[in-house]
Structure formats: structure tokens, C-alpha cells
Amino acid sequence: MQDAVKRLQRTAPLKRSLWNNVVMHIDTYDFGKVVIDGKGYGSDVILLPDRVLDHWWRKEGHRLQVEDLDAVLERPAPLLVVGTGMHGMMKVPEETVAYLKGRGIESLVLKTKEACRAFNELEKKGGVIGAFHLTC
């Protein structure tokens, strides 16, 4: 994970002005629960620059498809960090990654604990959105 984060830190452009200087911070993550800026969530979430969308559901629970990312695509960022669950059960098909890349969005796909750490590190630079599966 560290190599991927370092690579993205070097290549991800500074986009803070696009996000109105809003910084989201993931305080803690444990199976089924995440605390973001002091507020707890018990369902899957998408972190946008200005808000948290909780109760995020996917068309197929453990398979991330393009249509599951409508909120991300409405206001795209250069980078999407995806948390695939505590044990990595949510799969991100290559066609989803390729579609995002075609829209100018790089993807960093990790188990959720590592994805939370990566999100916090990369968010310091700006231009990052997160999508996190909180359970398995």
C-alpha cells in the first residue's frame, strides 16, 4: 500500500480549490463502523469533498459497478480510493477501473482499513473521493 500511496502523492495534482478547501478525515474504522470528522456511520459510505453519503448500496452487494458510483461521477475527482471491506470481499472489476480511468479518475483499491489510511494521507493533497464497504 505504501508504494501506491507514495506514487499517487507524486502524481495526483493539487485540486484543493475545486473542493472549497474542505478536508474530510477518517478518525477510526472497525468492522461495520467508521467515524468521519467525529461522526459515526454504521453503513457503507461515499466521502465526497463536501459531504458523506451513508447507506451506500450497490447493485450487486459485493461487486462494484459503474452505476454504483453515480455520486462520484457527478463531481469527479482525480482519485477514487475504494475500501473493499475488512476482508476484501467487495470486488472491483477491471471494467469498472477502466471506465473510471477513461473519465480521468485513477482508482486505488484496498481493504478498507488500508484504504482509510491511504485516504487520509492522500486527502492532505486534495482531489480525493472515497467509497468504503465497511463489513466483510
N, C-alpha and C. Protein backbone atom coordinates (compact mmCIF):
# COMPACT_ATOMS: atom_id res chain seq x y z
N MET A 1 0.82 -1.19 0.00
CA MET A 1 0.00 0.00 0.00
C MET A 1 0.86 1.25 0.00
N GLN A 2 1.89 1.29 0.79
CA GLN A 2 2.72 2.49 0.90
C GLN A 2 3.27 2.93 -0.44
N ASP A 3 3.71 1.98 -1.27
CA ASP A 3 4.23 2.33 -2.59
C ASP A 3 3.16 2.98 -3.45
N ALA A 4 1.95 2.44 -3.41
CA ALA A 4 0.85 3.01 -4.20
C ALA A 4 0.53 4.42 -3.72
N VAL A 5 0.47 4.62 -2.41
CA VAL A 5 0.18 5.95 -1.87
C VAL A 5 1.27 6.93 -2.26
N LYS A 6 2.53 6.54 -2.11
CA LYS A 6 3.64 7.43 -2.48
C LYS A 6 3.60 7.79 -3.95
N ARG A 7 3.30 6.80 -4.81
CA ARG A 7 3.21 7.07 -6.25
C ARG A 7 2.09 8.08 -6.53
N LEU A 8 0.94 7.88 -5.90
CA LEU A 8 -0.18 8.77 -6.14
C LEU A 8 0.07 10.16 -5.55
N GLN A 9 0.79 10.22 -4.44
CA GLN A 9 1.13 11.53 -3.88
C GLN A 9 1.99 12.32 -4.84
N ARG A 10 2.86 11.63 -5.55
CA ARG A 10 3.73 12.32 -6.51
C ARG A 10 2.99 12.73 -7.77
N THR A 11 1.99 11.93 -8.18
CA THR A 11 1.36 12.18 -9.47
C THR A 11 0.01 12.88 -9.38
N ALA A 12 -0.71 12.74 -8.26
CA ALA A 12 -2.03 13.37 -8.16
C ALA A 12 -1.88 14.88 -8.09
N PRO A 13 -2.56 15.61 -8.96
CA PRO A 13 -2.44 17.06 -8.97
C PRO A 13 -3.13 17.68 -7.76
N LEU A 14 -2.68 18.86 -7.38
CA LEU A 14 -3.33 19.59 -6.32
C LEU A 14 -4.65 20.13 -6.86
N LYS A 15 -5.73 19.78 -6.24
CA LYS A 15 -7.05 20.20 -6.70
C LYS A 15 -7.86 20.81 -5.55
N ARG A 16 -7.21 21.26 -4.52
CA ARG A 16 -7.91 21.75 -3.34
C ARG A 16 -8.93 22.83 -3.71
N SER A 17 -8.62 23.71 -4.66
CA SER A 17 -9.54 24.80 -4.98
C SER A 17 -10.86 24.27 -5.52
N LEU A 18 -10.86 23.12 -6.17
CA LEU A 18 -12.09 22.54 -6.68
C LEU A 18 -13.00 22.08 -5.56
N TRP A 19 -12.43 21.81 -4.41
CA TRP A 19 -13.19 21.22 -3.32
C TRP A 19 -13.44 22.21 -2.19
N ASN A 20 -13.28 23.50 -2.47
CA ASN A 20 -13.57 24.55 -1.49
C ASN A 20 -12.82 24.37 -0.18
N ASN A 21 -11.61 23.86 -0.26
CA ASN A 21 -10.75 23.68 0.91
C ASN A 21 -11.35 22.79 1.99
N VAL A 22 -12.29 21.96 1.62
CA VAL A 22 -12.89 21.03 2.58
C VAL A 22 -11.98 19.81 2.70
N VAL A 23 -11.73 19.41 3.92
CA VAL A 23 -10.92 18.22 4.16
C VAL A 23 -11.73 17.28 5.04
N MET A 24 -11.91 16.07 4.56
CA MET A 24 -12.57 15.03 5.35
C MET A 24 -11.48 14.21 6.01
N HIS A 25 -11.74 13.76 7.22
CA HIS A 25 -10.77 12.91 7.91
C HIS A 25 -11.48 11.71 8.49
N ILE A 26 -10.95 10.53 8.21
CA ILE A 26 -11.48 9.31 8.80
C ILE A 26 -10.76 9.11 10.12
N ASP A 27 -11.51 9.25 11.21
CA ASP A 27 -10.93 9.15 12.54
C ASP A 27 -10.61 7.71 12.90
N THR A 28 -11.59 6.81 12.72
CA THR A 28 -11.38 5.40 13.03
C THR A 28 -12.23 4.54 12.10
N TYR A 29 -11.76 3.31 11.94
CA TYR A 29 -12.54 2.31 11.20
C TYR A 29 -12.41 0.99 11.94
N ASP A 30 -13.53 0.32 12.08
CA ASP A 30 -13.55 -1.06 12.57
C ASP A 30 -14.70 -1.74 11.84
N PHE A 31 -14.73 -3.04 11.88
CA PHE A 31 -15.73 -3.81 11.15
C PHE A 31 -17.13 -3.22 11.35
N GLY A 32 -17.73 -2.75 10.26
CA GLY A 32 -19.09 -2.25 10.30
C GLY A 32 -19.27 -0.83 10.78
N LYS A 33 -18.19 -0.13 11.13
CA LYS A 33 -18.33 1.23 11.65
C LYS A 33 -17.13 2.09 11.27
N VAL A 34 -17.44 3.31 10.86
CA VAL A 34 -16.39 4.28 10.57
C VAL A 34 -16.78 5.60 11.23
N VAL A 35 -15.79 6.31 11.73
CA VAL A 35 -16.02 7.64 12.30
C VAL A 35 -15.29 8.64 11.41
N ILE A 36 -16.06 9.58 10.89
CA ILE A 36 -15.54 10.59 9.97
C ILE A 36 -15.80 11.96 10.57
N ASP A 37 -14.75 12.71 10.79
CA ASP A 37 -14.86 14.04 11.41
C ASP A 37 -15.74 14.00 12.66
N GLY A 38 -15.55 12.97 13.48
CA GLY A 38 -16.24 12.87 14.76
C GLY A 38 -17.63 12.26 14.71
N LYS A 39 -18.15 11.97 13.54
CA LYS A 39 -19.49 11.39 13.42
C LYS A 39 -19.39 9.94 12.99
N GLY A 40 -20.11 9.05 13.68
CA GLY A 40 -20.08 7.63 13.39
C GLY A 40 -21.10 7.23 12.33
N TYR A 41 -20.71 6.26 11.51
CA TYR A 41 -21.57 5.71 10.47
C TYR A 41 -21.51 4.19 10.56
N GLY A 42 -22.66 3.55 10.44
CA GLY A 42 -22.73 2.10 10.52
C GLY A 42 -23.14 1.44 9.21
N SER A 43 -23.03 2.18 8.13
CA SER A 43 -23.34 1.63 6.81
C SER A 43 -22.26 2.11 5.83
N ASP A 44 -22.18 1.45 4.69
CA ASP A 44 -21.19 1.82 3.68
C ASP A 44 -21.35 3.29 3.30
N VAL A 45 -20.23 3.93 3.00
CA VAL A 45 -20.24 5.38 2.76
C VAL A 45 -19.44 5.76 1.52
N ILE A 46 -19.83 6.89 0.96
CA ILE A 46 -19.03 7.58 -0.05
C ILE A 46 -18.65 8.92 0.56
N LEU A 47 -17.38 9.26 0.52
CA LEU A 47 -16.90 10.54 1.01
C LEU A 47 -16.67 11.46 -0.17
N LEU A 48 -17.50 12.47 -0.28
CA LEU A 48 -17.35 13.50 -1.29
C LEU A 48 -16.65 14.69 -0.65
N PRO A 49 -16.23 15.64 -1.42
CA PRO A 49 -15.50 16.77 -0.85
C PRO A 49 -16.26 17.55 0.22
N ASP A 50 -17.59 17.58 0.09
CA ASP A 50 -18.36 18.43 0.98
C ASP A 50 -19.37 17.67 1.84
N ARG A 51 -19.42 16.35 1.70
CA ARG A 51 -20.40 15.61 2.50
C ARG A 51 -20.11 14.10 2.48
N VAL A 52 -20.76 13.42 3.42
CA VAL A 52 -20.68 11.97 3.49
C VAL A 52 -22.03 11.42 3.07
N LEU A 53 -22.02 10.51 2.11
CA LEU A 53 -23.25 9.81 1.72
C LEU A 53 -23.22 8.45 2.40
N ASP A 54 -24.12 8.27 3.38
CA ASP A 54 -24.16 6.98 4.04
C ASP A 54 -25.27 6.12 3.44
N HIS A 55 -25.39 4.93 3.90
CA HIS A 55 -26.35 3.95 3.36
C HIS A 55 -26.10 3.71 1.87
N TRP A 56 -24.83 3.67 1.50
CA TRP A 56 -24.45 3.42 0.10
C TRP A 56 -24.66 1.96 -0.22
N TRP A 57 -25.50 1.69 -1.20
CA TRP A 57 -25.79 0.33 -1.64
C TRP A 57 -25.32 0.15 -3.06
N ARG A 58 -24.94 -1.05 -3.37
CA ARG A 58 -24.52 -1.38 -4.72
C ARG A 58 -25.52 -2.32 -5.37
N LYS A 59 -25.58 -2.27 -6.69
CA LYS A 59 -26.48 -3.12 -7.46
C LYS A 59 -26.29 -4.59 -7.08
N GLU A 60 -25.03 -5.00 -7.01
CA GLU A 60 -24.67 -6.33 -6.52
C GLU A 60 -23.77 -6.08 -5.32
N GLY A 61 -24.23 -6.46 -4.14
CA GLY A 61 -23.57 -6.11 -2.89
C GLY A 61 -22.05 -6.15 -2.84
N HIS A 62 -21.45 -7.21 -3.34
CA HIS A 62 -20.01 -7.35 -3.23
C HIS A 62 -19.30 -7.21 -4.57
N ARG A 63 -19.89 -6.43 -5.47
CA ARG A 63 -19.28 -6.18 -6.78
C ARG A 63 -19.55 -4.72 -7.13
N LEU A 64 -18.50 -3.94 -7.26
CA LEU A 64 -18.63 -2.52 -7.55
C LEU A 64 -18.75 -2.30 -9.05
N GLN A 65 -19.86 -1.69 -9.44
CA GLN A 65 -20.10 -1.41 -10.85
C GLN A 65 -20.17 0.09 -11.07
N VAL A 66 -20.04 0.50 -12.30
CA VAL A 66 -20.04 1.92 -12.64
C VAL A 66 -21.30 2.60 -12.11
N GLU A 67 -22.46 1.98 -12.29
CA GLU A 67 -23.70 2.63 -11.86
C GLU A 67 -23.78 2.80 -10.34
N ASP A 68 -22.94 2.11 -9.60
CA ASP A 68 -22.89 2.29 -8.15
C ASP A 68 -22.17 3.57 -7.75
N LEU A 69 -21.55 4.21 -8.73
CA LEU A 69 -20.71 5.37 -8.45
C LEU A 69 -21.28 6.67 -9.04
N ASP A 70 -22.59 6.73 -9.20
CA ASP A 70 -23.21 7.93 -9.78
C ASP A 70 -22.81 9.20 -9.04
N ALA A 71 -22.81 9.15 -7.71
CA ALA A 71 -22.45 10.33 -6.92
C ALA A 71 -21.01 10.75 -7.16
N VAL A 72 -20.13 9.78 -7.36
CA VAL A 72 -18.71 10.06 -7.65
C VAL A 72 -18.58 10.69 -9.02
N LEU A 73 -19.33 10.19 -9.98
CA LEU A 73 -19.22 10.67 -11.36
C LEU A 73 -19.87 12.03 -11.57
N GLU A 74 -20.79 12.43 -10.68
CA GLU A 74 -21.42 13.75 -10.78
C GLU A 74 -20.42 14.87 -10.54
N ARG A 75 -19.46 14.61 -9.66
CA ARG A 75 -18.45 15.61 -9.31
C ARG A 75 -17.11 14.89 -9.17
N PRO A 76 -16.57 14.45 -10.31
CA PRO A 76 -15.39 13.59 -10.26
C PRO A 76 -14.16 14.28 -9.68
N ALA A 77 -13.35 13.47 -9.06
CA ALA A 77 -12.05 13.90 -8.54
C ALA A 77 -10.99 13.13 -9.31
N PRO A 78 -9.75 13.57 -9.24
CA PRO A 78 -8.68 12.83 -9.93
C PRO A 78 -8.43 11.45 -9.35
N LEU A 79 -8.88 11.20 -8.11
CA LEU A 79 -8.58 9.93 -7.46
C LEU A 79 -9.77 9.44 -6.66
N LEU A 80 -10.08 8.15 -6.81
CA LEU A 80 -11.09 7.47 -6.01
C LEU A 80 -10.40 6.38 -5.21
N VAL A 81 -10.50 6.45 -3.89
CA VAL A 81 -9.98 5.41 -3.01
C VAL A 81 -11.16 4.51 -2.66
N VAL A 82 -11.02 3.21 -2.94
CA VAL A 82 -12.09 2.25 -2.70
C VAL A 82 -11.65 1.29 -1.59
N GLY A 83 -12.49 1.20 -0.55
CA GLY A 83 -12.28 0.22 0.50
C GLY A 83 -13.17 -0.98 0.24
N THR A 84 -12.58 -2.15 0.11
CA THR A 84 -13.32 -3.34 -0.30
C THR A 84 -13.83 -4.19 0.86
N GLY A 85 -13.77 -3.66 2.07
CA GLY A 85 -14.24 -4.38 3.25
C GLY A 85 -13.08 -4.85 4.11
N MET A 86 -13.39 -5.24 5.33
CA MET A 86 -12.37 -5.69 6.27
C MET A 86 -11.54 -6.83 5.69
N HIS A 87 -12.22 -7.75 4.99
CA HIS A 87 -11.53 -8.91 4.42
C HIS A 87 -11.42 -8.85 2.90
N GLY A 88 -11.78 -7.69 2.32
CA GLY A 88 -11.65 -7.52 0.88
C GLY A 88 -12.68 -8.27 0.05
N MET A 89 -13.87 -8.46 0.58
CA MET A 89 -14.89 -9.25 -0.12
C MET A 89 -15.53 -8.51 -1.30
N MET A 90 -15.57 -7.19 -1.26
CA MET A 90 -16.15 -6.46 -2.39
C MET A 90 -15.14 -6.44 -3.54
N LYS A 91 -15.55 -6.88 -4.68
CA LYS A 91 -14.66 -6.94 -5.85
C LYS A 91 -14.89 -5.71 -6.73
N VAL A 92 -13.81 -5.24 -7.32
CA VAL A 92 -13.87 -4.12 -8.26
C VAL A 92 -13.41 -4.65 -9.61
N PRO A 93 -14.35 -4.91 -10.51
CA PRO A 93 -13.99 -5.48 -11.81
C PRO A 93 -13.10 -4.53 -12.62
N GLU A 94 -12.28 -5.11 -13.45
CA GLU A 94 -11.38 -4.33 -14.30
C GLU A 94 -12.14 -3.36 -15.18
N GLU A 95 -13.34 -3.74 -15.63
CA GLU A 95 -14.11 -2.83 -16.49
C GLU A 95 -14.55 -1.57 -15.73
N THR A 96 -14.78 -1.68 -14.42
CA THR A 96 -15.10 -0.50 -13.62
C THR A 96 -13.89 0.41 -13.50
N VAL A 97 -12.74 -0.16 -13.23
CA VAL A 97 -11.49 0.60 -13.14
C VAL A 97 -11.19 1.27 -14.48
N ALA A 98 -11.37 0.55 -15.57
CA ALA A 98 -11.10 1.09 -16.91
C ALA A 98 -12.06 2.23 -17.24
N TYR A 99 -13.32 2.09 -16.88
CA TYR A 99 -14.28 3.15 -17.13
C TYR A 99 -13.88 4.42 -16.38
N LEU A 100 -13.55 4.27 -15.11
CA LEU A 100 -13.13 5.42 -14.31
C LEU A 100 -11.90 6.08 -14.92
N LYS A 101 -10.94 5.27 -15.31
CA LYS A 101 -9.71 5.80 -15.91
C LYS A 101 -10.03 6.58 -17.17
N GLY A 102 -10.98 6.08 -17.97
CA GLY A 102 -11.40 6.79 -19.16
C GLY A 102 -12.05 8.13 -18.87
N ARG A 103 -12.58 8.28 -17.67
CA ARG A 103 -13.18 9.55 -17.22
C ARG A 103 -12.17 10.42 -16.48
N GLY A 104 -10.90 9.99 -16.47
CA GLY A 104 -9.85 10.76 -15.81
C GLY A 104 -9.74 10.54 -14.32
N ILE A 105 -10.29 9.43 -13.83
CA ILE A 105 -10.28 9.12 -12.40
C ILE A 105 -9.41 7.89 -12.15
N GLU A 106 -8.32 8.08 -11.43
CA GLU A 106 -7.49 6.95 -11.01
C GLU A 106 -8.16 6.25 -9.84
N SER A 107 -7.94 4.97 -9.71
CA SER A 107 -8.53 4.18 -8.62
C SER A 107 -7.43 3.56 -7.77
N LEU A 108 -7.62 3.61 -6.47
CA LEU A 108 -6.76 2.90 -5.53
C LEU A 108 -7.68 1.97 -4.75
N VAL A 109 -7.55 0.67 -4.97
CA VAL A 109 -8.44 -0.32 -4.39
C VAL A 109 -7.68 -1.11 -3.33
N LEU A 110 -8.17 -1.03 -2.09
CA LEU A 110 -7.52 -1.68 -0.95
C LEU A 110 -8.57 -2.20 0.02
N LYS A 111 -8.17 -3.11 0.90
CA LYS A 111 -9.05 -3.46 2.00
C LYS A 111 -9.34 -2.19 2.78
N THR A 112 -10.50 -2.14 3.42
CA THR A 112 -10.97 -0.87 3.97
C THR A 112 -10.04 -0.25 5.01
N LYS A 113 -9.44 -1.03 5.88
CA LYS A 113 -8.53 -0.44 6.87
C LYS A 113 -7.38 0.30 6.19
N GLU A 114 -6.77 -0.34 5.18
CA GLU A 114 -5.67 0.30 4.44
C GLU A 114 -6.19 1.46 3.59
N ALA A 115 -7.39 1.31 3.04
CA ALA A 115 -7.97 2.37 2.22
C ALA A 115 -8.23 3.63 3.06
N CYS A 116 -8.66 3.45 4.31
CA CYS A 116 -8.88 4.60 5.19
C CYS A 116 -7.57 5.34 5.45
N ARG A 117 -6.52 4.59 5.72
CA ARG A 117 -5.20 5.22 5.94
C ARG A 117 -4.75 5.97 4.68
N ALA A 118 -4.91 5.32 3.54
CA ALA A 118 -4.49 5.93 2.28
C ALA A 118 -5.32 7.19 2.00
N PHE A 119 -6.62 7.12 2.22
CA PHE A 119 -7.49 8.27 2.00
C PHE A 119 -7.01 9.46 2.83
N ASN A 120 -6.76 9.23 4.12
CA ASN A 120 -6.32 10.32 4.99
C ASN A 120 -5.01 10.93 4.50
N GLU A 121 -4.10 10.10 4.08
CA GLU A 121 -2.80 10.60 3.61
C GLU A 121 -2.96 11.38 2.31
N LEU A 122 -3.72 10.84 1.38
CA LEU A 122 -3.88 11.48 0.07
C LEU A 122 -4.77 12.71 0.13
N GLU A 123 -5.73 12.73 1.05
CA GLU A 123 -6.64 13.86 1.17
C GLU A 123 -5.91 15.14 1.56
N LYS A 124 -4.77 15.00 2.19
CA LYS A 124 -3.97 16.18 2.55
C LYS A 124 -3.62 16.99 1.31
N LYS A 125 -3.52 16.32 0.18
CA LYS A 125 -3.18 16.97 -1.07
C LYS A 125 -4.42 17.43 -1.84
N GLY A 126 -5.55 16.82 -1.54
CA GLY A 126 -6.81 17.21 -2.18
C GLY A 126 -7.14 16.39 -3.40
N GLY A 127 -8.36 16.58 -3.89
CA GLY A 127 -8.80 15.91 -5.09
C GLY A 127 -9.05 14.42 -4.93
N VAL A 128 -9.53 14.01 -3.74
CA VAL A 128 -9.74 12.60 -3.45
C VAL A 128 -11.18 12.38 -3.00
N ILE A 129 -11.78 11.32 -3.52
CA ILE A 129 -13.09 10.86 -3.07
C ILE A 129 -12.90 9.44 -2.57
N GLY A 130 -13.72 9.03 -1.61
CA GLY A 130 -13.62 7.68 -1.08
C GLY A 130 -14.94 6.94 -1.16
N ALA A 131 -14.88 5.64 -1.37
CA ALA A 131 -16.04 4.77 -1.34
C ALA A 131 -15.66 3.55 -0.50
N PHE A 132 -16.35 3.36 0.62
CA PHE A 132 -15.90 2.36 1.59
C PHE A 132 -17.00 1.36 1.96
N HIS A 133 -16.70 0.09 1.74
CA HIS A 133 -17.53 -1.02 2.20
C HIS A 133 -17.03 -1.34 3.61
N LEU A 134 -17.91 -1.32 4.58
CA LEU A 134 -17.49 -1.37 5.98
C LEU A 134 -17.45 -2.76 6.60
N THR A 135 -18.13 -3.72 6.01
CA THR A 135 -18.16 -5.02 6.66
C THR A 135 -17.17 -5.98 5.98
N CYS A 136 -17.63 -7.13 5.58
CA CYS A 136 -16.77 -8.20 5.11
C CYS A 136 -15.92 -7.80 3.93
